[in-house]
PDB file of N, CA and C in Angstrom:
ATOM      1  N   MET A   1      23.918 -24.868  17.392  1.00  0.00           N
ATOM      2  CA  MET A   1      23.340 -23.520  17.670  1.00  0.00           C
ATOM      3  C   MET A   1      24.160 -22.747  19.119  1.00  0.00           C
ATOM      4  N   PHE A   2      23.683 -22.840  19.669  1.00  0.00           N
ATOM      5  CA  PHE A   2      23.537 -22.418  21.126  1.00  0.00           C
ATOM      6  C   PHE A   2      25.369 -23.483  21.593  1.00  0.00           C
ATOM      7  N   ASP A   3      25.526 -24.145  21.010  1.00  0.00           N
ATOM      8  CA  ASP A   3      27.033 -25.054  21.464  1.00  0.00           C
ATOM      9  C   ASP A   3      28.272 -24.096  21.121  1.00  0.00           C
ATOM     10  N   ARG A   4      27.781 -23.339  19.555  1.00  0.00           N
ATOM     11  CA  ARG A   4      28.668 -22.537  18.953  1.00  0.00           C
ATOM     12  C   ARG A   4      29.208 -21.486  18.972  1.00  0.00           C
ATOM     13  N   LEU A   5      27.450 -19.987  19.469  1.00  0.00           N
ATOM     14  CA  LEU A   5      27.649 -19.325  19.323  1.00  0.00           C
ATOM     15  C   LEU A   5      27.841 -18.863  20.841  1.00  0.00           C
ATOM     16  N   GLY A   6      27.220 -19.895  21.637  1.00  0.00           N
ATOM     17  CA  GLY A   6      27.060 -19.735  23.169  1.00  0.00           C
ATOM     18  C   GLY A   6      25.455 -18.959  23.503  1.00  0.00           C
ATOM     19  N   VAL A   7      25.104 -18.908  24.325  1.00  0.00           N
ATOM     20  CA  VAL A   7      24.118 -18.802  24.657  1.00  0.00           C
ATOM     21  C   VAL A   7      23.689 -17.083  24.467  1.00  0.00           C
ATOM     22  N   PRO A   8      24.471 -16.289  24.999  1.00  0.00           N
ATOM     23  CA  PRO A   8      24.265 -14.990  24.636  1.00  0.00           C
ATOM     24  C   PRO A   8      24.283 -14.423  23.174  1.00  0.00           C
ATOM     25  N   TRP A   9      25.373 -15.049  22.412  1.00  0.00           N
ATOM     26  CA  TRP A   9      24.984 -14.494  20.968  1.00  0.00           C
ATOM     27  C   TRP A   9      23.889 -15.496  20.388  1.00  0.00           C
ATOM     28  N   ALA A  10      23.301 -16.576  20.969  1.00  0.00           N
ATOM     29  CA  ALA A  10      22.763 -17.210  20.022  1.00  0.00           C
ATOM     30  C   ALA A  10      20.960 -16.543  20.018  1.00  0.00           C
ATOM     31  N   CYS A  11      20.887 -16.283  21.478  1.00  0.00           N
ATOM     32  CA  CYS A  11      20.015 -15.655  21.436  1.00  0.00           C
ATOM     33  C   CYS A  11      19.805 -13.851  20.859  1.00  0.00           C
ATOM     34  N   SER A  12      20.976 -13.686  20.694  1.00  0.00           N
ATOM     35  CA  SER A  12      20.747 -12.549  20.103  1.00  0.00           C
ATOM     36  C   SER A  12      20.664 -12.429  18.628  1.00  0.00           C
ATOM     37  N   LEU A  13      21.046 -13.617  18.086  1.00  0.00           N
ATOM     38  CA  LEU A  13      20.546 -13.514  16.865  1.00  0.00           C
ATOM     39  C   LEU A  13      19.078 -13.884  16.554  1.00  0.00           C
ATOM     40  N   LEU A  14      18.767 -14.567  17.282  1.00  0.00           N
ATOM     41  CA  LEU A  14      17.499 -14.884  17.180  1.00  0.00           C
ATOM     42  C   LEU A  14      16.333 -13.785  17.293  1.00  0.00           C
ATOM     43  N   GLY A  15      16.705 -13.033  18.495  1.00  0.00           N
ATOM     44  CA  GLY A  15      16.396 -11.795  18.943  1.00  0.00           C
ATOM     45  C   GLY A  15      16.376 -10.825  17.342  1.00  0.00           C
ATOM     46  N   PHE A  16      17.894 -10.700  16.509  1.00  0.00           N
ATOM     47  CA  PHE A  16      17.506 -10.170  15.409  1.00  0.00           C
ATOM     48  C   PHE A  16      17.072 -10.328  14.228  1.00  0.00           C
ATOM     49  N   VAL A  17      16.593 -11.657  14.234  1.00  0.00           N
ATOM     50  CA  VAL A  17      15.887 -12.365  13.236  1.00  0.00           C
ATOM     51  C   VAL A  17      14.697 -12.394  13.188  1.00  0.00           C
ATOM     52  N   SER A  18      14.183 -12.106  14.260  1.00  0.00           N
ATOM     53  CA  SER A  18      12.573 -11.532  14.626  1.00  0.00           C
ATOM     54  C   SER A  18      12.428 -10.110  14.374  1.00  0.00           C
ATOM     55  N   LEU A  19      13.413  -9.690  14.922  1.00  0.00           N
ATOM     56  CA  LEU A  19      13.377  -8.154  14.626  1.00  0.00           C
ATOM     57  C   LEU A  19      13.181  -7.480  13.057  1.00  0.00           C
ATOM     58  N   VAL A  20      13.760  -7.976  12.457  1.00  0.00           N
ATOM     59  CA  VAL A  20      13.572  -7.863  11.245  1.00  0.00           C
ATOM     60  C   VAL A  20      12.482  -8.597  10.316  1.00  0.00           C
ATOM     61  N   LEU A  21      11.923  -9.466  11.141  1.00  0.00           N
ATOM     62  CA  LEU A  21      11.309 -10.520  10.303  1.00  0.00           C
ATOM     63  C   LEU A  21       9.749  -9.599  11.379  1.00  0.00           C
ATOM     64  N   GLY A  22       9.337  -9.289  11.866  1.00  0.00           N
ATOM     65  CA  GLY A  22       8.413  -8.272  12.375  1.00  0.00           C
ATOM     66  C   GLY A  22       8.368  -7.365  11.999  1.00  0.00           C
ATOM     67  N   LEU A  23       8.996  -7.056  10.925  1.00  0.00           N
ATOM     68  CA  LEU A  23       8.990  -5.333  10.106  1.00  0.00           C
ATOM     69  C   LEU A  23       8.207  -5.098   8.809  1.00  0.00           C
ATOM     70  N   VAL A  24       8.413  -7.134   8.582  1.00  0.00           N
ATOM     71  CA  VAL A  24       7.606  -7.826   6.851  1.00  0.00           C
ATOM     72  C   VAL A  24       6.163  -6.860   6.928  1.00  0.00           C
ATOM     73  N   PRO A  25       5.418  -7.546   7.385  1.00  0.00           N
ATOM     74  CA  PRO A  25       4.383  -6.586   7.790  1.00  0.00           C
ATOM     75  C   PRO A  25       4.052  -5.151   7.657  1.00  0.00           C
ATOM     76  N   PHE A  26       4.645  -4.671   8.039  1.00  0.00           N
ATOM     77  CA  PHE A  26       4.539  -3.055   8.082  1.00  0.00           C
ATOM     78  C   PHE A  26       5.450  -2.767   6.562  1.00  0.00           C
ATOM     79  N   ALA A  27       6.138  -3.288   6.041  1.00  0.00           N
ATOM     80  CA  ALA A  27       6.757  -3.060   4.352  1.00  0.00           C
ATOM     81  C   ALA A  27       5.868  -3.833   3.567  1.00  0.00           C
ATOM     82  N   PHE A  28       4.985  -4.649   3.502  1.00  0.00           N
ATOM     83  CA  PHE A  28       3.723  -5.265   2.961  1.00  0.00           C
ATOM     84  C   PHE A  28       2.409  -3.936   3.089  1.00  0.00           C
ATOM     85  N   ILE A  29       2.093  -3.236   4.328  1.00  0.00           N
ATOM     86  CA  ILE A  29       1.487  -2.432   4.414  1.00  0.00           C
ATOM     87  C   ILE A  29       2.127  -0.928   3.445  1.00  0.00           C
ATOM     88  N   ARG A  30       3.085  -1.204   4.012  1.00  0.00           N
ATOM     89  CA  ARG A  30       3.902   0.126   2.831  1.00  0.00           C
ATOM     90  C   ARG A  30       4.108   0.152   1.575  1.00  0.00           C
ATOM     91  N   PHE A  31       4.113  -0.596   0.882  1.00  0.00           N
ATOM     92  CA  PHE A  31       4.702  -1.534  -0.567  1.00  0.00           C
ATOM     93  C   PHE A  31       3.652  -2.012  -0.898  1.00  0.00           C
ATOM     94  N   GLY A  32       2.885  -2.896  -0.415  1.00  0.00           N
ATOM     95  CA  GLY A  32       1.904  -3.883  -1.052  1.00  0.00           C
ATOM     96  C   GLY A  32       1.219  -3.154  -2.466  1.00  0.00           C
ATOM     97  N   GLU A  33       0.693  -1.909  -2.514  1.00  0.00           N
ATOM     98  CA  GLU A  33       0.156  -1.543  -3.478  1.00  0.00           C
ATOM     99  C   GLU A  33       0.758  -1.534  -4.737  1.00  0.00           C
ATOM    100  N   GLN A  34       2.357  -1.157  -4.538  1.00  0.00           N
ATOM    101  CA  GLN A  34       3.451  -1.264  -5.780  1.00  0.00           C
ATOM    102  C   GLN A  34       3.807  -2.879  -6.118  1.00  0.00           C
ATOM    103  N   ILE A  35       3.924  -3.775  -5.325  1.00  0.00           N
ATOM    104  CA  ILE A  35       4.266  -5.224  -5.203  1.00  0.00           C
ATOM    105  C   ILE A  35       3.103  -5.845  -5.693  1.00  0.00           C
ATOM    106  N   ARG A  36       1.854  -5.005  -5.724  1.00  0.00           N
ATOM    107  CA  ARG A  36       0.105  -5.757  -6.302  1.00  0.00           C
ATOM    108  C   ARG A  36       0.387  -5.396  -7.851  1.00  0.00           C
ATOM    109  N   ALA A  37       0.720  -4.051  -8.279  1.00  0.00           N
ATOM    110  CA  ALA A  37       0.995  -3.366  -9.116  1.00  0.00           C
ATOM    111  C   ALA A  37       2.123  -3.964 -10.487  1.00  0.00           C
ATOM    112  N   ASN A  38       3.054  -4.484  -9.845  1.00  0.00           N
ATOM    113  CA  ASN A  38       3.944  -5.365 -10.460  1.00  0.00           C
ATOM    114  C   ASN A  38       3.762  -6.686 -10.743  1.00  0.00           C
ATOM    115  N   SER A  39       2.973  -7.240 -10.148  1.00  0.00           N
ATOM    116  CA  SER A  39       2.352  -8.747 -10.059  1.00  0.00           C
ATOM    117  C   SER A  39       1.446  -9.284 -10.933  1.00  0.00           C
ATOM    118  N   LYS A  40       2.257 -10.089 -11.933  1.00  0.00           N
ATOM    119  CA  LYS A  40       1.183 -10.611 -13.167  1.00  0.00           C
ATOM    120  C   LYS A  40      -0.092 -11.364 -12.376  1.00  0.00           C
ATOM    121  N   PHE A  41       0.325 -12.124 -11.605  1.00  0.00           N
ATOM    122  CA  PHE A  41      -0.892 -12.622 -10.870  1.00  0.00           C
ATOM    123  C   PHE A  41      -1.912 -11.908 -10.201  1.00  0.00           C
ATOM    124  N   CYS A  42      -1.160 -10.984  -9.522  1.00  0.00           N
ATOM    125  CA  CYS A  42      -2.507  -9.795  -9.136  1.00  0.00           C
ATOM    126  C   CYS A  42      -3.324  -9.065 -10.299  1.00  0.00           C
ATOM    127  N   GLN A  43      -2.733  -8.706 -10.906  1.00  0.00           N
ATOM    128  CA  GLN A  43      -3.446  -7.861 -12.639  1.00  0.00           C
ATOM    129  C   GLN A  43      -4.172  -9.397 -13.136  1.00  0.00           C
ATOM    130  N   GLN A  44      -4.030 -10.116 -13.292  1.00  0.00           N
ATOM    131  CA  GLN A  44      -4.797 -11.377 -13.547  1.00  0.00           C
ATOM    132  C   GLN A  44      -6.314 -11.712 -13.066  1.00  0.00           C
ATOM    133  N   LEU A  45      -5.732 -11.583 -11.264  1.00  0.00           N
ATOM    134  CA  LEU A  45      -6.983 -11.537 -10.664  1.00  0.00           C
ATOM    135  C   LEU A  45      -7.817 -10.586 -10.469  1.00  0.00           C
ATOM    136  N   ALA A  46      -7.564  -9.395 -10.539  1.00  0.00           N
ATOM    137  CA  ALA A  46      -8.038  -8.152 -11.131  1.00  0.00           C
ATOM    138  C   ALA A  46      -9.131  -8.187 -11.889  1.00  0.00           C
ATOM    139  N   ALA A  47      -8.324  -8.659 -13.202  1.00  0.00           N
ATOM    140  CA  ALA A  47      -9.254  -8.888 -14.497  1.00  0.00           C
ATOM    141  C   ALA A  47     -10.117  -9.862 -14.271  1.00  0.00           C
ATOM    142  N   GLU A  48      -9.781 -10.749 -14.019  1.00  0.00           N
ATOM    143  CA  GLU A  48     -11.015 -12.062 -13.175  1.00  0.00           C
ATOM    144  C   GLU A  48     -12.191 -11.403 -12.135  1.00  0.00           C
ATOM    145  N   LYS A  49     -12.104 -10.353 -11.792  1.00  0.00           N
ATOM    146  CA  LYS A  49     -12.664  -9.884 -10.706  1.00  0.00           C
ATOM    147  C   LYS A  49     -13.743  -9.153 -11.658  1.00  0.00           C
ATOM    148  N   GLU A  50     -12.505  -8.287 -12.518  1.00  0.00           N
ATOM    149  CA  GLU A  50     -13.962  -7.432 -12.985  1.00  0.00           C
ATOM    150  C   GLU A  50     -14.434  -7.947 -14.026  1.00  0.00           C
ATOM    151  N   ARG A  51     -14.504  -9.387 -14.669  1.00  0.00           N
ATOM    152  CA  ARG A  51     -15.222  -9.642 -15.728  1.00  0.00           C
ATOM    153  C   ARG A  51     -16.272 -10.141 -15.050  1.00  0.00           C
ATOM    154  N   LEU A  52     -16.075 -10.878 -13.451  1.00  0.00           N
ATOM    155  CA  LEU A  52     -17.267 -11.507 -12.992  1.00  0.00           C
ATOM    156  C   LEU A  52     -18.081 -10.467 -12.411  1.00  0.00           C
ATOM    157  N   LYS A  53     -17.793  -9.371 -11.957  1.00  0.00           N
ATOM    158  CA  LYS A  53     -18.559  -8.348 -11.808  1.00  0.00           C
ATOM    159  C   LYS A  53     -19.605  -8.120 -12.942  1.00  0.00           C
ATOM    160  N   GLU A  54     -18.768  -7.692 -14.348  1.00  0.00           N
ATOM    161  CA  GLU A  54     -19.660  -7.592 -15.373  1.00  0.00           C
ATOM    162  C   GLU A  54     -20.720  -8.572 -15.494  1.00  0.00           C
ATOM    163  N   GLU A  55     -20.548  -9.695 -15.707  1.00  0.00           N
ATOM    164  CA  GLU A  55     -21.569 -10.815 -15.746  1.00  0.00           C
ATOM    165  C   GLU A  55     -22.501 -10.673 -14.660  1.00  0.00           C
ATOM    166  N   ASP A  56     -22.071 -10.442 -13.568  1.00  0.00           N
ATOM    167  CA  ASP A  56     -23.045 -10.370 -12.537  1.00  0.00           C
ATOM    168  C   ASP A  56     -24.312  -9.054 -12.688  1.00  0.00           C
ATOM    169  N   ILE A  57     -23.555  -8.003 -12.936  1.00  0.00           N
ATOM    170  CA  ILE A  57     -24.199  -7.116 -13.739  1.00  0.00           C
ATOM    171  C   ILE A  57     -25.227  -7.334 -14.651  1.00  0.00           C
ATOM    172  N   ARG A  58     -24.472  -7.789 -15.819  1.00  0.00           N
ATOM    173  CA  ARG A  58     -25.418  -8.898 -16.945  1.00  0.00           C
ATOM    174  C   ARG A  58     -26.615  -9.559 -15.994  1.00  0.00           C
ATOM    175  N   ARG A  59     -26.526 -10.273 -15.260  1.00  0.00           N
ATOM    176  CA  ARG A  59     -27.306 -11.569 -15.027  1.00  0.00           C
ATOM    177  C   ARG A  59     -28.413 -10.557 -13.880  1.00  0.00           C
ATOM    178  N   GLY A  60     -27.737  -9.662 -13.155  1.00  0.00           N
ATOM    179  CA  GLY A  60     -29.222  -8.779 -12.562  1.00  0.00           C
ATOM    180  C   GLY A  60     -30.233  -8.498 -13.483  1.00  0.00           C
ATOM    181  N   LYS A  61     -29.292  -7.802 -14.608  1.00  0.00           N
ATOM    182  CA  LYS A  61     -30.193  -7.194 -15.274  1.00  0.00           C
ATOM    183  C   LYS A  61     -31.015  -8.081 -16.194  1.00  0.00           C
ATOM    184  N   ARG A  62     -30.976  -9.262 -16.838  1.00  0.00           N
ATOM    185  CA  ARG A  62     -32.027 -10.409 -16.915  1.00  0.00           C
ATOM    186  C   ARG A  62     -32.465 -10.977 -15.894  1.00  0.00           C
ATOM    187  N   ARG A  63     -32.124 -10.828 -14.595  1.00  0.00           N
ATOM    188  CA  ARG A  63     -33.254 -11.398 -13.755  1.00  0.00           C
ATOM    189  C   ARG A  63     -34.007 -10.043 -13.383  1.00  0.00           C
ATOM    190  N   GLU A  64     -33.758  -9.331 -13.476  1.00  0.00           N
ATOM    191  CA  GLU A  64     -34.816  -7.977 -13.630  1.00  0.00           C
ATOM    192  C   GLU A  64     -35.903  -8.172 -14.616  1.00  0.00           C
ATOM    193  N   ALA A  65     -34.707  -7.966 -15.948  1.00  0.00           N
ATOM    194  CA  ALA A  65     -36.176  -8.333 -17.262  1.00  0.00           C
ATOM    195  C   ALA A  65     -37.170  -9.448 -16.951  1.00  0.00           C
ATOM    196  N   ARG A  66     -36.935 -10.694 -16.248  1.00  0.00           N
ATOM    197  CA  ARG A  66     -37.679 -11.901 -16.325  1.00  0.00           C
ATOM    198  C   ARG A  66     -38.896 -11.674 -15.270  1.00  0.00           C
ATOM    199  N   GLU A  67     -38.535 -11.221 -14.267  1.00  0.00           N
ATOM    200  CA  GLU A  67     -39.155 -10.697 -13.030  1.00  0.00           C
ATOM    201  C   GLU A  67     -40.750  -9.638 -13.837  1.00  0.00           C
ATOM    202  N   LYS A  68     -40.180  -8.785 -14.261  1.00  0.00           N
ATOM    203  CA  LYS A  68     -40.947  -7.748 -14.924  1.00  0.00           C
ATOM    204  C   LYS A  68     -42.083  -8.340 -16.096  1.00  0.00           C
ATOM    205  N   LYS A  69     -41.392  -9.449 -16.452  1.00  0.00           N
ATOM    206  CA  LYS A  69     -42.448 -10.163 -17.524  1.00  0.00           C
ATOM    207  C   LYS A  69     -43.212 -10.580 -17.305  1.00  0.00           C
ATOM    208  N   LYS A  70     -42.763 -11.405 -15.635  1.00  0.00           N
ATOM    209  CA  LYS A  70     -43.836 -12.345 -15.145  1.00  0.00           C
ATOM    210  C   LYS A  70     -44.887 -11.534 -13.979  1.00  0.00           C
ATOM    211  N   LEU A  71     -44.249 -10.255 -14.004  1.00  0.00           N
ATOM    212  CA  LEU A  71     -45.282  -9.036 -13.276  1.00  0.00           C
ATOM    213  C   LEU A  71     -46.262  -8.950 -14.405  1.00  0.00           C
ATOM    214  N   ARG A  72     -45.742  -8.507 -15.340  1.00  0.00           N
ATOM    215  CA  ARG A  72     -46.911  -8.026 -16.443  1.00  0.00           C
ATOM    216  C   ARG A  72     -47.655  -9.218 -16.920  1.00  0.00           C
ATOM    217  N   LYS A  73     -47.063 -10.366 -16.561  1.00  0.00           N
ATOM    218  CA  LYS A  73     -47.764 -12.062 -17.357  1.00  0.00           C
ATOM    219  C   LYS A  73     -48.861 -11.357 -16.110  1.00  0.00           C
ATOM    220  N   ALA A  74     -48.384 -11.672 -14.888  1.00  0.00           N
ATOM    221  CA  ALA A  74     -49.634 -11.696 -13.905  1.00  0.00           C
ATOM    222  C   ALA A  74     -50.698 -10.827 -13.710  1.00  0.00           C
ATOM    223  N   ARG A  75     -50.650  -9.393 -13.968  1.00  0.00           N
ATOM    224  CA  ARG A  75     -51.374  -8.026 -14.433  1.00  0.00           C
ATOM    225  C   ARG A  75     -52.215  -8.547 -15.056  1.00  0.00           C
ATOM    226  N   ASP A  76     -51.509  -8.859 -16.416  1.00  0.00           N
ATOM    227  CA  ASP A  76     -52.759  -9.153 -17.969  1.00  0.00           C
ATOM    228  C   ASP A  76     -53.438  -9.918 -17.546  1.00  0.00           C
ATOM    229  N   GLU A  77     -53.227 -11.302 -16.377  1.00  0.00           N
ATOM    230  CA  GLU A  77     -54.311 -12.388 -16.758  1.00  0.00           C
ATOM    231  C   GLU A  77     -55.161 -12.060 -15.555  1.00  0.00           C
ATOM    232  N   GLU A  78     -54.650 -11.144 -14.392  1.00  0.00           N
ATOM    233  CA  GLU A  78     -55.436 -10.138 -13.363  1.00  0.00           C
ATOM    234  C   GLU A  78     -56.927  -9.652 -14.065  1.00  0.00           C
ATOM    235  N   GLU A  79     -55.967  -9.000 -14.725  1.00  0.00           N
ATOM    236  CA  GLU A  79     -57.111  -7.800 -15.894  1.00  0.00           C
ATOM    237  C   GLU A  79     -57.909  -8.866 -16.299  1.00  0.00           C
ATOM    238  N   ALA A  80     -57.625  -9.980 -17.306  1.00  0.00           N
ATOM    239  CA  ALA A  80     -58.216 -10.846 -18.262  1.00  0.00           C
ATOM    240  C   ALA A  80     -59.567 -11.389 -17.140  1.00  0.00           C
ATOM    241  N   MET A  81     -59.506 -11.772 -16.095  1.00  0.00           N
ATOM    242  CA  MET A  81     -60.179 -12.331 -15.028  1.00  0.00           C
ATOM    243  C   MET A  81     -61.531 -11.443 -14.742  1.00  0.00           C
ATOM    244  N   VAL A  82     -60.469 -10.148 -14.454  1.00  0.00           N
ATOM    245  CA  VAL A  82     -62.259  -8.743 -13.808  1.00  0.00           C
ATOM    246  C   VAL A  82     -62.540  -8.943 -15.286  1.00  0.00           C
ATOM    247  N   GLU A  83     -61.839  -8.532 -16.527  1.00  0.00           N
ATOM    248  CA  GLU A  83     -62.938  -8.164 -17.611  1.00  0.00           C
ATOM    249  C   GLU A  83     -63.828  -9.685 -17.547  1.00  0.00           C
ATOM    250  N   VAL A  84     -63.426 -11.194 -17.393  1.00  0.00           N
ATOM    251  CA  VAL A  84     -64.212 -12.073 -17.341  1.00  0.00           C
ATOM    252  C   VAL A  84     -65.383 -12.128 -16.759  1.00  0.00           C
ATOM    253  N   ASP A  85     -65.216 -11.908 -15.109  1.00  0.00           N
ATOM    254  CA  ASP A  85     -66.143 -11.455 -14.193  1.00  0.00           C
ATOM    255  C   ASP A  85     -67.291 -10.076 -14.573  1.00  0.00           C
ATOM    256  N   ARG A  86     -67.041  -9.370 -15.624  1.00  0.00           N
ATOM    257  CA  ARG A  86     -67.855  -8.338 -15.962  1.00  0.00           C
ATOM    258  C   ARG A  86     -69.024  -8.914 -16.387  1.00  0.00           C
TER     259      ARG A  86
END
């Protein structure tokens, strides 16, 4: 490239390419939401994320119910022990 274009033009070409590529992150910042909205892959990821979130909520509710059941059982056993001691 340097032989055909010469040093000044080859360096200018590399500079222009790097200038254009330097704008890509800013384009993603500006238009990223629109790009993701049109992407089938991103829509699928969002649906999967929502499904996992709902599943975690259900697991949390089940876990809370188990913990409450254990606490009730322990309290009942403790009350039974107190009654036996009387």
